[in-house]
Amino acid sequence: VHMTSTEVLVQNSLLNTQKYFIFASSLPFQVAHVNDEGIEFITPHKITETHVIINITELSAFGNVKDKDSPPDPVRALVLLFYRPPTDPDPESVLNVLLLPETVVLRDVLRTRKERDRDERFIEISPHCKLIPKQEYTLSISPEDDSVLVQPPEAEFDEESYNNYLSSFQVNLEKIMKSIKLFLRETNSSHSVWERRVCLPSTAVRKPRRQSSRISSIARLRTCFIDGISGPVLQSLLDKLFEKNVITEPERESAEELRNNRDKARFVIDTVRKKGEAASSEMIEFLYEGDPFLCKHLGLI
């Protein structure tokens, strides 16, 4: 009987690397297992059009064996920094430190943090390190200063529950500092698993200036406001004014009926201006949030 053979090399974490020969003929398939002791013929467990499946029960002494009580292995992780700069004239700022597994999508982290705090800035610095799951870590600062507070004193690295992208540590800086040095260590250890010098942005967040009369401000800038505000910013402003009860639902509906952007802007500014100082202040605050560049152009900041 004419027979052909195909050599197959089998290797994985639980099996020795060994050779198997598959013999094909008009008779049923036979698998010959070649080892140091000779040849062993194995009856296939299952035969398909593309595969011959055999049962192998012997295990390698070099397999991956791990005691269930042994400590977890370190995993690749990221230390991400988000800085909320001081707001004039208050010098206090906040540095948020996130401990995350390396598998996170940075784009998702940035988007989520931005939605939570639009003034927060991502500090791009080498984030890579190795952390042990369920291990407690501490964050230290240099230079040590009474004006710097790190909280909490220690935090656990959780490689599974991180979807909210919350801060593991928060560093409160009561005075303006150009740079600091961060040390991440295992609790009760002097060895740093991550150590970086961090330059802090010096530009403070600027808020709209409090003027003596917001009514006179928006009245004076009425034409520039009508000509300068974009459609999306105007729509956002209209929505916020309604949400905060600055304008009523009928007033919002009247504005929505106006298709021309300049007519809608004219209606909004005139309606708010007639409601007094508080309404005018709210409008300027909302406008700053939606378009700080327009506020600067109008001289409101």
Protein backbone atom coordinates (compact mmCIF):
# COMPACT_ATOMS: atom_id res chain seq x y z
CA VAL A 1 0.00 0.00 0.00
CA HIS A 2 1.42 3.38 -0.98
CA MET A 3 1.63 5.77 1.95
CA THR A 4 2.75 9.39 2.31
CA SER A 5 3.84 11.08 5.52
CA THR A 6 3.81 14.63 6.82
CA GLU A 7 6.07 15.72 9.66
CA VAL A 8 4.43 17.89 12.35
CA LEU A 9 6.34 19.68 15.12
CA VAL A 10 4.27 20.22 18.27
CA GLN A 11 5.31 22.73 20.92
CA ASN A 12 3.49 24.79 23.52
CA SER A 13 3.82 25.78 27.15
CA LEU A 14 2.60 22.42 28.44
CA LEU A 15 4.08 19.95 25.92
CA ASN A 16 7.59 18.90 25.10
CA THR A 17 8.72 19.75 21.60
CA GLN A 18 8.24 16.46 19.77
CA LYS A 19 7.78 15.10 16.26
CA TYR A 20 4.63 13.48 14.96
CA PHE A 21 4.28 11.86 11.53
CA ILE A 22 0.88 11.60 9.89
CA PHE A 23 0.61 8.67 7.47
CA ALA A 24 -2.03 8.88 4.75
CA SER A 25 -3.20 6.05 2.54
CA SER A 26 -6.39 4.35 1.52
CA LEU A 27 -6.43 3.00 5.05
CA PRO A 28 -7.44 5.18 8.03
CA PHE A 29 -4.91 7.80 9.10
CA GLN A 30 -2.22 6.76 11.54
CA VAL A 31 -0.08 9.11 13.62
CA ALA A 32 3.42 7.99 14.53
CA HIS A 33 4.90 9.61 17.64
CA VAL A 34 8.71 9.59 17.43
CA ASN A 35 10.56 10.00 20.72
CA ASP A 36 13.81 8.87 22.33
CA GLU A 37 12.32 5.52 23.23
CA GLY A 38 11.15 4.66 19.72
CA ILE A 39 7.95 5.00 17.73
CA GLU A 40 4.43 4.99 19.11
CA PHE A 41 1.39 4.78 16.80
CA ILE A 42 -1.57 6.88 17.94
CA THR A 43 -5.13 6.48 16.72
CA PRO A 44 -6.54 9.90 15.77
CA HIS A 45 -9.24 11.29 18.03
CA LYS A 46 -10.93 13.09 15.13
CA ILE A 47 -10.27 13.62 11.42
CA THR A 48 -11.56 16.59 9.42
CA GLU A 49 -10.88 17.77 5.89
CA THR A 50 -8.01 19.92 7.11
CA HIS A 51 -6.93 18.55 10.50
CA VAL A 52 -6.01 15.35 12.27
CA ILE A 53 -6.71 15.71 15.99
CA ILE A 54 -4.98 13.49 18.55
CA ASN A 55 -5.13 13.27 22.33
CA ILE A 56 -1.82 13.88 24.13
CA THR A 57 -1.79 13.41 27.88
CA GLU A 58 1.86 13.66 28.84
CA LEU A 59 2.95 17.03 30.16
CA SER A 60 6.29 18.75 30.08
CA ALA A 61 8.31 19.30 33.22
CA PHE A 62 9.02 22.76 31.82
CA GLY A 63 5.38 23.84 31.67
CA ASN A 64 4.13 27.09 33.19
CA VAL A 65 3.28 26.16 36.75
CA LYS A 66 2.32 28.88 39.24
CA ASP A 67 1.31 28.55 42.85
CA LYS A 68 -2.10 30.13 43.40
CA ASP A 69 -0.79 31.74 46.59
CA SER A 70 2.24 33.30 44.92
CA PRO A 71 2.22 37.12 44.50
CA PRO A 72 1.06 38.55 41.14
CA ASP A 73 3.64 39.46 38.56
CA PRO A 74 4.28 43.11 37.66
CA VAL A 75 2.37 44.39 34.62
CA ARG A 76 3.14 47.20 32.22
CA ALA A 77 1.48 50.39 33.43
CA LEU A 78 1.23 54.13 32.81
CA VAL A 79 1.52 57.09 35.16
CA LEU A 80 -0.52 59.90 33.60
CA LEU A 81 -0.46 63.50 34.85
CA PHE A 82 -3.22 66.09 34.54
CA TYR A 83 -2.59 69.61 35.80
CA ARG A 84 -5.20 72.21 36.73
CA PRO A 85 -3.33 75.53 36.74
CA PRO A 86 -4.04 78.35 39.18
CA THR A 87 -6.92 80.71 38.54
CA ASP A 88 -6.07 84.40 38.81
CA PRO A 89 -5.52 85.70 41.40
CA ASP A 90 -5.47 82.45 43.45
CA PRO A 91 -2.01 80.76 43.20
CA GLU A 92 -3.26 77.29 44.20
CA SER A 93 -3.08 74.53 41.57
CA VAL A 94 -3.74 70.78 41.45
CA LEU A 95 -1.80 67.91 39.86
CA ASN A 96 -3.83 64.73 39.35
CA VAL A 97 -1.88 61.46 39.05
CA LEU A 98 -3.48 58.41 37.43
CA LEU A 99 -2.14 54.85 37.67
CA LEU A 100 -3.48 52.88 34.72
CA PRO A 101 -2.62 49.66 32.86
CA GLU A 102 -0.75 50.13 29.59
CA THR A 103 -3.70 48.70 27.66
CA VAL A 104 -5.84 51.85 28.11
CA VAL A 105 -6.58 53.99 25.06
CA LEU A 106 -4.99 57.38 25.76
CA ARG A 107 -7.48 59.15 23.50
CA ASP A 108 -10.35 57.91 25.68
CA VAL A 109 -8.59 59.03 28.86
CA LEU A 110 -7.96 62.52 27.48
CA ARG A 111 -11.55 62.91 26.27
CA THR A 112 -13.05 61.75 29.56
CA ARG A 113 -10.83 64.02 31.65
CA LYS A 114 -11.54 67.00 29.36
CA GLU A 115 -15.27 66.49 29.71
CA ARG A 116 -14.86 66.46 33.48
CA ASP A 117 -12.67 69.58 33.73
CA ARG A 118 -12.08 71.75 30.67
CA ASP A 119 -9.31 73.73 32.42
CA GLU A 120 -7.25 70.62 33.18
CA ARG A 121 -4.14 70.10 31.04
CA PHE A 122 -2.45 66.83 30.17
CA ILE A 123 1.29 66.86 30.90
CA GLU A 124 3.08 64.74 28.34
CA ILE A 125 5.96 62.95 30.01
CA SER A 126 7.32 59.40 29.80
CA PRO A 127 4.62 57.41 31.64
CA HIS A 128 5.91 53.85 31.37
CA CYS A 129 6.61 51.65 34.37
CA LYS A 130 5.76 48.25 35.84
CA LEU A 131 3.30 47.97 38.71
CA ILE A 132 2.01 45.03 40.72
CA PRO A 133 -1.78 44.57 40.77
CA LYS A 134 -3.39 45.05 44.19
CA GLN A 135 -0.13 46.54 45.51
CA GLU A 136 -0.25 49.74 47.60
CA TYR A 137 1.89 52.63 46.36
CA THR A 138 2.90 56.00 47.78
CA LEU A 139 3.71 59.22 45.93
CA SER A 140 6.48 61.50 47.19
CA ILE A 141 7.37 65.03 46.11
CA SER A 142 10.65 66.90 45.94
CA PRO A 143 11.30 69.51 47.13
CA GLU A 144 9.30 68.77 50.26
CA ASP A 145 7.32 71.81 51.24
CA ASP A 146 4.54 72.62 53.70
CA SER A 147 2.63 74.21 50.83
CA VAL A 148 2.40 70.84 49.03
CA LEU A 149 -0.17 68.23 50.06
CA VAL A 150 -0.37 64.73 48.56
CA GLN A 151 -3.54 62.76 49.13
CA PRO A 152 -4.33 59.99 49.79
CA PRO A 153 -1.14 58.83 51.58
CA GLU A 154 -1.23 55.58 49.58
CA ALA A 155 -3.26 54.09 46.73
CA GLU A 156 -3.76 50.61 45.33
CA PHE A 157 -3.02 49.84 41.69
CA ASP A 158 -6.05 48.14 40.17
CA GLU A 159 -5.45 46.91 36.62
CA GLU A 160 -9.10 45.97 36.10
CA SER A 161 -11.35 48.75 37.48
CA TYR A 162 -10.20 51.92 35.79
CA ASN A 163 -12.89 52.91 33.26
CA ASN A 164 -13.76 56.13 35.10
CA TYR A 165 -10.14 57.31 34.85
CA LEU A 166 -10.20 58.74 38.36
CA SER A 167 -7.10 60.11 40.06
CA SER A 168 -5.04 57.74 42.17
CA PHE A 169 -3.25 60.67 43.81
CA GLN A 170 -3.93 64.39 43.97
CA VAL A 171 -1.16 66.90 44.63
CA ASN A 172 -2.35 70.28 45.92
CA LEU A 173 0.14 73.11 45.39
CA GLU A 174 -0.64 76.22 47.43
CA LYS A 175 1.93 78.34 45.63
CA ILE A 176 3.19 78.56 42.07
CA MET A 177 6.03 76.13 41.34
CA LYS A 178 7.88 75.83 38.04
CA SER A 179 8.79 72.17 38.49
CA ILE A 180 8.62 69.30 40.95
CA LYS A 181 10.04 65.80 41.13
CA LEU A 182 7.72 62.83 41.64
CA PHE A 183 8.65 59.47 43.15
CA LEU A 184 6.28 56.49 42.99
CA ARG A 185 7.21 53.73 45.42
CA GLU A 186 5.74 50.56 46.81
CA THR A 187 4.46 51.17 50.33
CA ASN A 188 7.20 50.51 52.92
CA SER A 189 9.87 50.48 50.21
CA SER A 190 12.54 53.03 49.34
CA HIS A 191 12.84 51.81 45.74
CA SER A 192 11.16 54.03 43.13
CA VAL A 193 9.25 52.20 40.42
CA TRP A 194 8.70 55.50 38.56
CA GLU A 195 10.59 58.78 38.98
CA ARG A 196 10.26 61.94 36.89
CA ARG A 197 10.98 65.65 36.97
CA VAL A 198 7.80 67.45 35.93
CA CYS A 199 7.66 70.97 34.54
CA LEU A 200 4.40 72.69 35.44
CA PRO A 201 2.78 75.13 32.98
CA SER A 202 3.14 78.66 34.29
CA THR A 203 0.15 80.16 32.48
CA ALA A 204 -2.79 80.67 34.82
CA VAL A 205 -6.40 80.25 33.84
CA ARG A 206 -7.94 83.65 33.24
CA LYS A 207 -11.54 84.30 34.12
CA PRO A 208 -13.74 87.16 32.92
CA ARG A 209 -13.08 90.42 34.73
CA ARG A 210 -15.77 91.60 37.08
CA GLN A 211 -16.90 94.92 35.73
CA SER A 212 -19.01 97.53 37.44
CA SER A 213 -21.93 97.02 35.09
CA ARG A 214 -22.40 93.97 32.90
CA ILE A 215 -25.49 95.59 31.38
CA SER A 216 -23.44 98.50 30.07
CA SER A 217 -20.75 96.07 28.88
CA ILE A 218 -23.00 94.00 26.65
CA ALA A 219 -24.89 97.09 25.50
CA ARG A 220 -21.61 98.72 24.44
CA LEU A 221 -20.45 95.56 22.65
CA ARG A 222 -23.82 94.67 21.14
CA THR A 223 -22.82 95.14 17.49
CA CYS A 224 -19.50 93.30 17.87
CA PHE A 225 -21.29 90.44 19.62
CA ILE A 226 -23.88 90.16 16.84
CA ASP A 227 -21.23 90.19 14.12
CA GLY A 228 -18.68 87.98 15.88
CA ILE A 229 -20.52 85.06 17.48
CA SER A 230 -20.67 81.83 15.47
CA GLY A 231 -23.76 79.69 15.01
CA PRO A 232 -22.62 76.75 17.20
CA VAL A 233 -21.46 79.04 20.03
CA LEU A 234 -24.72 81.00 19.86
CA GLN A 235 -26.74 77.77 20.05
CA SER A 236 -24.70 76.58 23.04
CA LEU A 237 -25.17 79.97 24.73
CA LEU A 238 -28.91 79.80 24.12
CA ASP A 239 -29.12 76.30 25.61
CA LYS A 240 -27.18 77.30 28.75
CA LEU A 241 -29.26 80.43 29.27
CA PHE A 242 -32.38 78.27 29.15
CA GLU A 243 -30.93 75.56 31.42
CA LYS A 244 -30.06 78.16 34.06
CA ASN A 245 -33.48 79.83 33.78
CA VAL A 246 -32.02 83.07 32.47
CA ILE A 247 -34.49 82.95 29.59
CA THR A 248 -37.90 81.30 29.45
CA GLU A 249 -39.03 78.52 27.15
CA PRO A 250 -41.15 80.88 24.99
CA GLU A 251 -38.11 83.17 24.63
CA ARG A 252 -35.94 80.25 23.57
CA GLU A 253 -38.56 79.11 21.05
CA SER A 254 -38.75 82.63 19.63
CA ALA A 255 -34.98 82.65 19.18
CA GLU A 256 -35.02 79.20 17.55
CA GLU A 257 -37.55 80.41 14.97
CA LEU A 258 -35.06 82.99 13.69
CA ARG A 259 -33.01 81.39 10.90
CA ASN A 260 -30.59 84.26 10.39
CA ASN A 261 -27.67 84.01 12.83
CA ARG A 262 -27.37 87.80 13.27
CA ASP A 263 -31.09 88.14 14.00
CA LYS A 264 -30.89 85.35 16.56
CA ALA A 265 -27.82 86.92 18.22
CA ARG A 266 -29.58 90.30 18.32
CA PHE A 267 -32.66 88.74 19.94
CA VAL A 268 -30.59 86.91 22.58
CA ILE A 269 -28.46 89.85 23.67
CA ASP A 270 -31.41 92.25 23.80
CA THR A 271 -33.55 89.77 25.75
CA VAL A 272 -30.84 89.12 28.34
CA ARG A 273 -29.86 92.79 28.66
CA LYS A 274 -33.43 93.70 29.63
CA LYS A 275 -33.38 91.16 32.47
CA GLY A 276 -30.81 93.06 34.51
CA GLU A 277 -27.30 92.76 35.95
CA ALA A 278 -27.49 89.14 37.14
CA ALA A 279 -28.70 87.84 33.77
CA SER A 280 -26.04 89.86 31.93
CA SER A 281 -23.32 88.43 34.19
CA GLU A 282 -24.55 84.89 33.56
CA MET A 283 -24.50 85.45 29.82
CA ILE A 284 -20.91 86.72 29.85
CA GLU A 285 -19.82 83.72 31.95
CA PHE A 286 -21.46 81.30 29.52
CA LEU A 287 -19.98 83.13 26.55
CA TYR A 288 -16.52 82.83 28.08
CA GLU A 289 -16.97 79.08 28.48
CA GLY A 290 -18.07 78.70 24.87
CA ASP A 291 -15.69 81.10 23.14
CA PRO A 292 -12.93 82.67 25.29
CA PHE A 293 -11.31 84.14 22.16
CA LEU A 294 -14.45 86.12 21.36
CA CYS A 295 -14.58 87.32 24.97
CA LYS A 296 -10.99 88.50 24.67
CA HIS A 297 -11.79 90.24 21.38
CA LEU A 298 -14.75 91.96 23.01
CA GLY A 299 -12.59 93.07 25.94
CA LEU A 300 -14.50 91.03 28.51
CA ILE A 301 -11.36 89.32 29.86
